[in-house]
N, C-alpha and C. Protein backbone atom coordinates (compact mmCIF):
# COMPACT_ATOMS: atom_id res chain seq x y z
N MET A 1 149.91 -186.94 -54.80
CA MET A 1 150.27 -188.28 -54.39
C MET A 1 151.01 -189.02 -55.51
N ARG A 2 150.45 -188.93 -56.73
CA ARG A 2 151.06 -189.61 -57.86
C ARG A 2 152.46 -189.06 -58.15
N ASN A 3 152.59 -187.72 -58.09
CA ASN A 3 153.90 -187.11 -58.35
C ASN A 3 154.92 -187.50 -57.29
N ARG A 4 154.49 -187.56 -56.04
CA ARG A 4 155.42 -187.95 -54.96
C ARG A 4 155.87 -189.40 -55.12
N TYR A 5 154.93 -190.26 -55.49
CA TYR A 5 155.29 -191.66 -55.71
C TYR A 5 156.28 -191.77 -56.86
N ARG A 6 156.00 -191.05 -57.94
CA ARG A 6 156.90 -191.06 -59.10
C ARG A 6 158.30 -190.57 -58.71
N GLN A 7 158.36 -189.49 -57.92
CA GLN A 7 159.66 -188.97 -57.48
C GLN A 7 160.39 -189.97 -56.58
N ALA A 8 159.63 -190.62 -55.70
CA ALA A 8 160.24 -191.62 -54.83
C ALA A 8 160.81 -192.78 -55.65
N MET A 9 160.07 -193.21 -56.67
CA MET A 9 160.54 -194.30 -57.52
C MET A 9 161.78 -193.89 -58.31
N GLU A 10 161.80 -192.64 -58.75
CA GLU A 10 162.98 -192.14 -59.45
C GLU A 10 164.20 -192.16 -58.53
N GLY A 11 164.01 -191.75 -57.27
CA GLY A 11 165.10 -191.78 -56.30
C GLY A 11 165.59 -193.20 -56.04
N LEU A 12 164.65 -194.15 -55.88
CA LEU A 12 165.03 -195.54 -55.67
C LEU A 12 165.73 -196.11 -56.90
N TYR A 13 165.25 -195.75 -58.06
CA TYR A 13 165.86 -196.20 -59.31
C TYR A 13 167.31 -195.71 -59.40
N LEU A 14 167.51 -194.43 -59.12
CA LEU A 14 168.88 -193.88 -59.16
C LEU A 14 169.77 -194.54 -58.12
N ALA A 15 169.22 -194.82 -56.93
CA ALA A 15 170.00 -195.51 -55.90
C ALA A 15 170.41 -196.90 -56.38
N CYS A 16 169.49 -197.61 -57.04
CA CYS A 16 169.82 -198.93 -57.59
C CYS A 16 170.95 -198.83 -58.60
N ILE A 17 170.88 -197.83 -59.46
CA ILE A 17 171.92 -197.67 -60.49
C ILE A 17 173.26 -197.34 -59.85
N VAL A 18 173.26 -196.44 -58.88
CA VAL A 18 174.52 -196.04 -58.24
C VAL A 18 175.14 -197.23 -57.49
N LEU A 19 174.33 -197.95 -56.71
CA LEU A 19 174.85 -199.08 -55.95
C LEU A 19 175.32 -200.21 -56.88
N SER A 20 174.56 -200.48 -57.93
CA SER A 20 174.97 -201.51 -58.89
C SER A 20 176.25 -201.10 -59.60
N GLY A 21 176.33 -199.85 -60.01
CA GLY A 21 177.54 -199.36 -60.67
C GLY A 21 178.74 -199.40 -59.76
N ALA A 22 178.55 -199.02 -58.50
CA ALA A 22 179.66 -199.07 -57.54
C ALA A 22 180.13 -200.51 -57.34
N ALA A 23 179.18 -201.44 -57.24
CA ALA A 23 179.55 -202.85 -57.08
C ALA A 23 180.34 -203.34 -58.29
N LEU A 24 179.93 -202.95 -59.48
CA LEU A 24 180.64 -203.37 -60.68
C LEU A 24 182.05 -202.79 -60.73
N VAL A 25 182.19 -201.53 -60.34
CA VAL A 25 183.52 -200.91 -60.30
C VAL A 25 184.42 -201.62 -59.29
N ILE A 26 183.87 -201.94 -58.13
CA ILE A 26 184.65 -202.64 -57.10
C ILE A 26 185.10 -204.00 -57.61
N ILE A 27 184.20 -204.73 -58.25
CA ILE A 27 184.56 -206.03 -58.83
C ILE A 27 185.69 -205.86 -59.84
N THR A 28 185.56 -204.85 -60.67
CA THR A 28 186.55 -204.59 -61.72
C THR A 28 187.93 -204.25 -61.13
N LEU A 29 187.95 -203.67 -59.95
CA LEU A 29 189.22 -203.32 -59.32
C LEU A 29 189.83 -204.47 -58.52
N ILE A 30 189.00 -205.22 -57.80
CA ILE A 30 189.58 -206.22 -56.90
C ILE A 30 189.96 -207.53 -57.58
N ILE A 31 189.29 -207.89 -58.66
CA ILE A 31 189.67 -209.15 -59.35
C ILE A 31 191.08 -209.03 -59.95
N PRO A 32 191.39 -207.95 -60.69
CA PRO A 32 192.77 -207.83 -61.18
C PRO A 32 193.80 -207.73 -60.04
N LEU A 33 193.40 -207.11 -58.93
CA LEU A 33 194.30 -207.06 -57.78
C LEU A 33 194.61 -208.47 -57.29
N GLY A 34 193.58 -209.31 -57.19
CA GLY A 34 193.81 -210.69 -56.76
C GLY A 34 194.70 -211.45 -57.72
N VAL A 35 194.49 -211.26 -59.01
CA VAL A 35 195.32 -211.93 -60.02
C VAL A 35 196.76 -211.42 -59.93
N PHE A 36 196.94 -210.11 -59.81
CA PHE A 36 198.27 -209.52 -59.71
C PHE A 36 199.01 -210.06 -58.48
N MET A 37 198.33 -210.07 -57.35
CA MET A 37 198.99 -210.52 -56.12
C MET A 37 199.35 -212.01 -56.20
N ARG A 38 198.49 -212.80 -56.82
CA ARG A 38 198.75 -214.24 -56.89
C ARG A 38 199.88 -214.56 -57.87
N TYR A 39 199.82 -214.01 -59.08
CA TYR A 39 200.74 -214.44 -60.13
C TYR A 39 201.98 -213.57 -60.29
N VAL A 40 201.90 -212.31 -59.91
CA VAL A 40 203.06 -211.43 -60.05
C VAL A 40 203.83 -211.34 -58.74
N MET A 41 203.11 -211.11 -57.67
CA MET A 41 203.75 -210.94 -56.37
C MET A 41 203.93 -212.27 -55.63
N ASN A 42 203.31 -213.33 -56.13
CA ASN A 42 203.37 -214.65 -55.51
C ASN A 42 202.92 -214.62 -54.04
N ALA A 43 201.92 -213.77 -53.77
CA ALA A 43 201.37 -213.63 -52.41
C ALA A 43 199.84 -213.51 -52.55
N ALA A 44 199.19 -214.65 -52.68
CA ALA A 44 197.76 -214.67 -52.94
C ALA A 44 196.96 -214.06 -51.79
N LEU A 45 195.97 -213.26 -52.16
CA LEU A 45 195.02 -212.70 -51.19
C LEU A 45 193.80 -213.61 -51.15
N SER A 46 193.24 -213.80 -49.98
CA SER A 46 192.09 -214.70 -49.88
C SER A 46 190.76 -213.98 -50.06
N TRP A 47 190.72 -212.68 -49.93
CA TRP A 47 189.45 -211.95 -49.88
C TRP A 47 188.88 -211.46 -51.21
N PRO A 48 189.65 -211.30 -52.30
CA PRO A 48 189.03 -210.75 -53.52
C PRO A 48 187.89 -211.58 -54.10
N GLU A 49 188.01 -212.89 -54.09
CA GLU A 49 186.95 -213.71 -54.67
C GLU A 49 185.65 -213.62 -53.86
N PRO A 50 185.67 -213.84 -52.54
CA PRO A 50 184.40 -213.72 -51.81
C PRO A 50 183.84 -212.29 -51.84
N ALA A 51 184.70 -211.30 -51.86
CA ALA A 51 184.22 -209.91 -51.95
C ALA A 51 183.54 -209.68 -53.29
N SER A 52 184.09 -210.26 -54.35
CA SER A 52 183.48 -210.12 -55.68
C SER A 52 182.13 -210.81 -55.75
N VAL A 53 182.01 -211.95 -55.09
CA VAL A 53 180.72 -212.66 -55.07
C VAL A 53 179.68 -211.80 -54.35
N ILE A 54 180.06 -211.20 -53.25
CA ILE A 54 179.14 -210.32 -52.50
C ILE A 54 178.72 -209.14 -53.37
N MET A 55 179.67 -208.53 -54.06
CA MET A 55 179.36 -207.40 -54.94
C MET A 55 178.49 -207.84 -56.12
N MET A 56 178.71 -209.07 -56.61
CA MET A 56 177.92 -209.56 -57.73
C MET A 56 176.46 -209.79 -57.32
N VAL A 57 176.24 -210.24 -56.09
CA VAL A 57 174.86 -210.38 -55.60
C VAL A 57 174.18 -209.02 -55.61
N MET A 58 174.87 -208.00 -55.10
CA MET A 58 174.29 -206.66 -55.07
C MET A 58 174.07 -206.13 -56.49
N PHE A 59 175.06 -206.29 -57.34
CA PHE A 59 174.96 -205.82 -58.72
C PHE A 59 173.79 -206.49 -59.44
N SER A 60 173.69 -207.80 -59.31
CA SER A 60 172.68 -208.55 -60.05
C SER A 60 171.26 -208.21 -59.62
N PHE A 61 171.01 -208.21 -58.33
CA PHE A 61 169.63 -208.04 -57.87
C PHE A 61 169.17 -206.58 -57.92
N LEU A 62 170.00 -205.66 -57.47
CA LEU A 62 169.60 -204.25 -57.53
C LEU A 62 169.59 -203.75 -58.97
N GLY A 63 170.56 -204.21 -59.76
CA GLY A 63 170.57 -203.85 -61.17
C GLY A 63 169.38 -204.43 -61.91
N GLY A 64 168.96 -205.63 -61.51
CA GLY A 64 167.78 -206.25 -62.13
C GLY A 64 166.52 -205.44 -61.89
N ALA A 65 166.37 -204.92 -60.68
CA ALA A 65 165.21 -204.08 -60.38
C ALA A 65 165.26 -202.81 -61.22
N ALA A 66 166.44 -202.23 -61.37
CA ALA A 66 166.58 -201.00 -62.15
C ALA A 66 166.27 -201.22 -63.63
N VAL A 67 166.76 -202.31 -64.20
CA VAL A 67 166.50 -202.53 -65.62
C VAL A 67 165.03 -202.86 -65.86
N TYR A 68 164.36 -203.44 -64.88
CA TYR A 68 162.92 -203.67 -65.04
C TYR A 68 162.20 -202.33 -65.12
N ARG A 69 162.54 -201.41 -64.21
CA ARG A 69 161.87 -200.10 -64.24
C ARG A 69 162.17 -199.36 -65.54
N ALA A 70 163.41 -199.43 -65.99
CA ALA A 70 163.81 -198.71 -67.20
C ALA A 70 163.31 -199.40 -68.47
N LYS A 71 162.78 -200.59 -68.31
CA LYS A 71 162.26 -201.38 -69.43
C LYS A 71 163.35 -201.65 -70.47
N VAL A 72 164.54 -201.96 -69.99
CA VAL A 72 165.65 -202.30 -70.88
C VAL A 72 166.13 -203.73 -70.65
N HIS A 73 165.28 -204.55 -70.04
CA HIS A 73 165.61 -205.95 -69.82
C HIS A 73 165.44 -206.72 -71.14
N VAL A 74 165.94 -207.92 -71.15
CA VAL A 74 165.83 -208.76 -72.33
C VAL A 74 164.37 -209.17 -72.50
N ALA A 75 163.84 -208.94 -73.66
CA ALA A 75 162.45 -209.30 -73.94
C ALA A 75 162.34 -209.78 -75.38
N VAL A 76 161.68 -210.89 -75.55
CA VAL A 76 161.42 -211.41 -76.89
C VAL A 76 159.99 -211.03 -77.24
N GLU A 77 159.86 -210.15 -78.23
CA GLU A 77 158.55 -209.60 -78.54
C GLU A 77 157.95 -210.17 -79.83
N ALA A 78 158.57 -211.17 -80.41
CA ALA A 78 158.07 -211.72 -81.66
C ALA A 78 156.66 -212.28 -81.50
N LEU A 79 156.42 -213.01 -80.42
CA LEU A 79 155.09 -213.57 -80.19
C LEU A 79 154.08 -212.46 -79.92
N LEU A 80 154.47 -211.46 -79.15
CA LEU A 80 153.57 -210.33 -78.89
C LEU A 80 153.16 -209.63 -80.18
N ASN A 81 154.10 -209.48 -81.08
CA ASN A 81 153.82 -208.79 -82.34
C ASN A 81 152.98 -209.65 -83.29
N ALA A 82 152.92 -210.94 -83.04
CA ALA A 82 152.21 -211.84 -83.94
C ALA A 82 150.75 -212.08 -83.55
N VAL A 83 150.34 -211.59 -82.39
CA VAL A 83 148.97 -211.84 -81.92
C VAL A 83 148.14 -210.57 -81.99
N SER A 84 146.83 -210.74 -81.82
CA SER A 84 145.92 -209.59 -81.85
C SER A 84 146.14 -208.70 -80.63
N GLU A 85 145.61 -207.49 -80.71
CA GLU A 85 145.75 -206.53 -79.61
C GLU A 85 145.16 -207.09 -78.31
N ARG A 86 144.02 -207.75 -78.40
CA ARG A 86 143.38 -208.33 -77.22
C ARG A 86 144.28 -209.38 -76.57
N ASN A 87 144.81 -210.29 -77.38
CA ASN A 87 145.70 -211.33 -76.86
C ASN A 87 147.01 -210.74 -76.33
N ARG A 88 147.49 -209.69 -76.96
CA ARG A 88 148.70 -209.01 -76.50
C ARG A 88 148.49 -208.46 -75.09
N LYS A 89 147.33 -207.84 -74.85
CA LYS A 89 147.03 -207.29 -73.52
C LYS A 89 146.96 -208.40 -72.48
N ILE A 90 146.33 -209.52 -72.85
CA ILE A 90 146.24 -210.66 -71.94
C ILE A 90 147.64 -211.19 -71.61
N MET A 91 148.47 -211.30 -72.64
CA MET A 91 149.84 -211.80 -72.43
C MET A 91 150.64 -210.84 -71.55
N LEU A 92 150.47 -209.53 -71.76
CA LEU A 92 151.19 -208.56 -70.94
C LEU A 92 150.73 -208.60 -69.48
N TRP A 93 149.43 -208.83 -69.26
CA TRP A 93 148.96 -209.01 -67.89
C TRP A 93 149.58 -210.27 -67.27
N GLY A 94 149.74 -211.31 -68.08
CA GLY A 94 150.40 -212.52 -67.60
C GLY A 94 151.85 -212.26 -67.21
N VAL A 95 152.53 -211.45 -68.02
CA VAL A 95 153.91 -211.08 -67.69
C VAL A 95 153.94 -210.30 -66.38
N ASP A 96 153.01 -209.36 -66.20
CA ASP A 96 152.95 -208.60 -64.94
C ASP A 96 152.70 -209.54 -63.77
N ALA A 97 151.80 -210.51 -63.94
CA ALA A 97 151.52 -211.46 -62.86
C ALA A 97 152.75 -212.29 -62.53
N CYS A 98 153.50 -212.70 -63.55
CA CYS A 98 154.73 -213.46 -63.31
C CYS A 98 155.78 -212.60 -62.61
N MET A 99 155.88 -211.34 -62.99
CA MET A 99 156.83 -210.44 -62.33
C MET A 99 156.45 -210.22 -60.86
N ILE A 100 155.17 -210.07 -60.59
CA ILE A 100 154.72 -209.92 -59.20
C ILE A 100 155.06 -211.18 -58.42
N ALA A 101 154.80 -212.35 -59.00
CA ALA A 101 155.12 -213.62 -58.33
C ALA A 101 156.62 -213.74 -58.07
N THR A 102 157.43 -213.35 -59.05
CA THR A 102 158.88 -213.41 -58.89
C THR A 102 159.36 -212.47 -57.80
N ALA A 103 158.84 -211.25 -57.79
CA ALA A 103 159.24 -210.28 -56.77
C ALA A 103 158.81 -210.75 -55.38
N LEU A 104 157.61 -211.31 -55.27
CA LEU A 104 157.16 -211.83 -53.97
C LEU A 104 158.01 -213.02 -53.53
N PHE A 105 158.39 -213.87 -54.48
CA PHE A 105 159.27 -215.00 -54.17
C PHE A 105 160.61 -214.48 -53.62
N MET A 106 161.18 -213.49 -54.30
CA MET A 106 162.45 -212.91 -53.84
C MET A 106 162.30 -212.32 -52.45
N LEU A 107 161.21 -211.64 -52.21
CA LEU A 107 160.98 -211.01 -50.91
C LEU A 107 160.82 -212.06 -49.81
N VAL A 108 159.90 -212.98 -49.98
CA VAL A 108 159.59 -213.95 -48.92
C VAL A 108 160.77 -214.89 -48.67
N TYR A 109 161.27 -215.52 -49.73
CA TYR A 109 162.34 -216.49 -49.54
C TYR A 109 163.69 -215.80 -49.30
N GLY A 110 163.84 -214.59 -49.78
CA GLY A 110 165.05 -213.83 -49.49
C GLY A 110 165.13 -213.47 -48.02
N VAL A 111 164.02 -213.07 -47.43
CA VAL A 111 163.99 -212.78 -45.99
C VAL A 111 164.29 -214.05 -45.20
N GLN A 112 163.68 -215.17 -45.60
CA GLN A 112 163.96 -216.43 -44.91
C GLN A 112 165.43 -216.81 -45.03
N LEU A 113 166.02 -216.60 -46.20
CA LEU A 113 167.44 -216.89 -46.39
C LEU A 113 168.30 -216.01 -45.48
N CYS A 114 167.97 -214.74 -45.40
CA CYS A 114 168.73 -213.83 -44.53
C CYS A 114 168.62 -214.24 -43.06
N ILE A 115 167.42 -214.59 -42.63
CA ILE A 115 167.21 -215.01 -41.24
C ILE A 115 167.98 -216.30 -40.95
N THR A 116 167.90 -217.25 -41.88
CA THR A 116 168.55 -218.55 -41.68
C THR A 116 170.07 -218.40 -41.59
N THR A 117 170.64 -217.50 -42.37
CA THR A 117 172.11 -217.38 -42.42
C THR A 117 172.64 -216.20 -41.60
N TRP A 118 171.78 -215.57 -40.82
CA TRP A 118 172.19 -214.35 -40.10
C TRP A 118 173.36 -214.58 -39.15
N HIS A 119 173.40 -215.72 -38.48
CA HIS A 119 174.44 -215.96 -37.47
C HIS A 119 175.64 -216.71 -38.03
N GLN A 120 175.70 -216.85 -39.34
CA GLN A 120 176.87 -217.44 -39.97
C GLN A 120 177.78 -216.32 -40.44
N SER A 121 179.06 -216.60 -40.49
CA SER A 121 179.98 -215.57 -40.99
C SER A 121 180.79 -216.13 -42.15
N ILE A 122 181.34 -215.23 -42.91
CA ILE A 122 182.19 -215.59 -44.05
C ILE A 122 183.61 -215.71 -43.52
N SER A 123 184.30 -216.79 -43.86
CA SER A 123 185.62 -217.04 -43.28
C SER A 123 186.60 -215.90 -43.54
N ASP A 124 186.53 -215.30 -44.72
CA ASP A 124 187.46 -214.20 -45.04
C ASP A 124 187.03 -212.87 -44.43
N PHE A 125 185.77 -212.77 -44.02
CA PHE A 125 185.24 -211.57 -43.38
C PHE A 125 184.47 -211.99 -42.11
N PRO A 126 185.19 -212.34 -41.05
CA PRO A 126 184.53 -212.92 -39.88
C PRO A 126 183.51 -212.00 -39.21
N GLY A 127 183.63 -210.71 -39.38
CA GLY A 127 182.67 -209.78 -38.77
C GLY A 127 181.43 -209.55 -39.62
N LEU A 128 181.37 -210.15 -40.80
CA LEU A 128 180.26 -209.92 -41.72
C LEU A 128 179.33 -211.12 -41.73
N SER A 129 178.07 -210.87 -41.43
CA SER A 129 177.06 -211.92 -41.43
C SER A 129 176.72 -212.32 -42.86
N VAL A 130 176.56 -213.61 -43.09
CA VAL A 130 176.14 -214.10 -44.40
C VAL A 130 174.75 -213.54 -44.73
N GLY A 131 173.91 -213.43 -43.69
CA GLY A 131 172.58 -212.87 -43.89
C GLY A 131 172.61 -211.46 -44.46
N VAL A 132 173.56 -210.67 -44.05
CA VAL A 132 173.69 -209.30 -44.56
C VAL A 132 174.05 -209.33 -46.04
N THR A 133 174.88 -210.27 -46.43
CA THR A 133 175.29 -210.32 -47.84
C THR A 133 174.14 -210.72 -48.75
N TYR A 134 173.12 -211.40 -48.20
CA TYR A 134 171.96 -211.78 -48.98
C TYR A 134 170.84 -210.74 -48.95
N MET A 135 171.01 -209.66 -48.23
CA MET A 135 169.98 -208.63 -48.14
C MET A 135 169.56 -208.03 -49.48
N PRO A 136 170.42 -207.93 -50.48
CA PRO A 136 169.95 -207.40 -51.77
C PRO A 136 168.83 -208.22 -52.41
N ILE A 137 168.69 -209.48 -52.04
CA ILE A 137 167.65 -210.31 -52.66
C ILE A 137 166.25 -209.85 -52.23
N PRO A 138 165.94 -209.82 -50.93
CA PRO A 138 164.60 -209.32 -50.57
C PRO A 138 164.43 -207.83 -50.87
N LEU A 139 165.50 -207.07 -50.77
CA LEU A 139 165.42 -205.64 -51.10
C LEU A 139 165.03 -205.45 -52.56
N ALA A 140 165.63 -206.23 -53.44
CA ALA A 140 165.29 -206.14 -54.86
C ALA A 140 163.86 -206.60 -55.10
N GLY A 141 163.38 -207.56 -54.31
CA GLY A 141 161.99 -207.97 -54.42
C GLY A 141 161.04 -206.83 -54.09
N VAL A 142 161.34 -206.10 -53.01
CA VAL A 142 160.51 -204.94 -52.64
C VAL A 142 160.58 -203.86 -53.71
N LEU A 143 161.79 -203.56 -54.17
CA LEU A 143 161.96 -202.52 -55.19
C LEU A 143 161.23 -202.88 -56.48
N THR A 144 161.33 -204.13 -56.88
CA THR A 144 160.65 -204.56 -58.10
C THR A 144 159.14 -204.43 -57.94
N LEU A 145 158.61 -204.81 -56.77
CA LEU A 145 157.18 -204.64 -56.51
C LEU A 145 156.78 -203.17 -56.60
N LEU A 146 157.59 -202.30 -56.02
CA LEU A 146 157.29 -200.86 -56.09
C LEU A 146 157.32 -200.35 -57.52
N PHE A 147 158.28 -200.84 -58.32
CA PHE A 147 158.36 -200.43 -59.71
C PHE A 147 157.18 -200.99 -60.52
N ILE A 148 156.72 -202.19 -60.17
CA ILE A 148 155.54 -202.75 -60.83
C ILE A 148 154.31 -201.91 -60.52
N VAL A 149 154.17 -201.54 -59.25
CA VAL A 149 153.04 -200.68 -58.86
C VAL A 149 153.09 -199.38 -59.64
N GLU A 150 154.28 -198.79 -59.75
CA GLU A 150 154.42 -197.55 -60.51
C GLU A 150 153.96 -197.74 -61.95
N ARG A 151 154.40 -198.82 -62.59
CA ARG A 151 154.07 -199.04 -63.99
C ARG A 151 152.58 -199.30 -64.18
N LEU A 152 151.99 -200.09 -63.27
CA LEU A 152 150.56 -200.39 -63.41
C LEU A 152 149.69 -199.19 -63.05
N TRP A 153 150.11 -198.42 -62.06
CA TRP A 153 149.32 -197.29 -61.58
C TRP A 153 149.53 -196.04 -62.43
N LEU A 154 150.79 -195.75 -62.75
CA LEU A 154 151.13 -194.50 -63.42
C LEU A 154 151.59 -194.70 -64.86
N GLY A 155 151.67 -195.93 -65.31
CA GLY A 155 152.08 -196.18 -66.69
C GLY A 155 153.57 -196.20 -66.89
N GLY A 156 154.35 -196.39 -65.88
CA GLY A 156 155.80 -196.43 -66.03
C GLY A 156 156.41 -195.05 -65.96
N PRO A 157 157.72 -194.99 -65.84
CA PRO A 157 158.39 -193.71 -65.73
C PRO A 157 158.34 -192.92 -67.03
N PRO A 158 158.36 -191.60 -66.93
CA PRO A 158 158.40 -190.80 -68.16
C PRO A 158 159.68 -191.09 -68.93
N LYS A 159 159.62 -190.93 -70.24
CA LYS A 159 160.79 -191.23 -71.06
C LYS A 159 161.99 -190.36 -70.73
N SER A 160 161.77 -189.19 -70.17
CA SER A 160 162.89 -188.32 -69.83
C SER A 160 163.65 -188.84 -68.61
N ASP A 161 163.00 -189.68 -67.79
CA ASP A 161 163.65 -190.18 -66.57
C ASP A 161 164.61 -191.32 -66.84
N VAL A 162 164.27 -192.19 -67.77
CA VAL A 162 165.07 -193.38 -68.02
C VAL A 162 165.21 -193.62 -69.51
N MET A 163 166.20 -194.39 -69.88
CA MET A 163 166.35 -194.74 -71.28
C MET A 163 165.50 -195.96 -71.56
N TYR A 164 164.63 -195.85 -72.52
CA TYR A 164 163.79 -196.97 -72.91
C TYR A 164 164.43 -197.72 -74.04
N SER A 165 164.00 -198.95 -74.23
CA SER A 165 164.58 -199.79 -75.27
C SER A 165 164.32 -199.19 -76.66
N ASP A 166 163.26 -198.41 -76.85
CA ASP A 166 163.01 -197.83 -78.18
C ASP A 166 163.95 -196.66 -78.47
N GLN A 167 164.74 -196.24 -77.48
CA GLN A 167 165.74 -195.20 -77.71
C GLN A 167 167.10 -195.80 -78.06
N ALA A 168 167.20 -197.12 -77.92
CA ALA A 168 168.45 -197.78 -78.21
C ALA A 168 168.70 -197.75 -79.72
N VAL A 169 169.92 -197.99 -80.09
CA VAL A 169 170.29 -197.98 -81.50
C VAL A 169 169.67 -199.19 -82.18
N ASP A 170 169.00 -198.95 -83.29
CA ASP A 170 168.41 -200.02 -84.07
C ASP A 170 169.47 -200.63 -84.95
N LEU A 171 169.72 -201.93 -84.78
CA LEU A 171 170.80 -202.58 -85.51
C LEU A 171 170.38 -203.10 -86.88
N GLU A 172 169.12 -202.96 -87.24
CA GLU A 172 168.68 -203.47 -88.53
C GLU A 172 168.92 -202.48 -89.63
């Protein structure tokens, strides 16, 4: 059971990375296209900016879930290093509680946002529901919760699966 859960989390993690990376590549391609068409060809396109915003929502939320699992998010550890082991554990449990609350907030209010905006469309993409464009928010909430469960239950992913912050280059 534990191995299957770990494998499932690894698959979800890789999917987050691939989708986030694809969104970033698309943003990188369509923004210069919009600039080129507007200033060089003098024929502005209306869709690159809203498409980039949609891709940025996907990149930000799915990428955020992935960096949480990989433990490469921004973290200030000076206070953790300055307190006793007992207080450090209490503080880390507080961080876990805050992450659970954040993920639940994203899930609950993200679903409400999707439902509320489901029948609205984007002017540049009339066939695309606004609710669909917000789907990465509750999805990232679910993924983050699953990654939290993995970390609390199994101790986080093995170091061979993801790059941890202690493998990063030390700049000191």
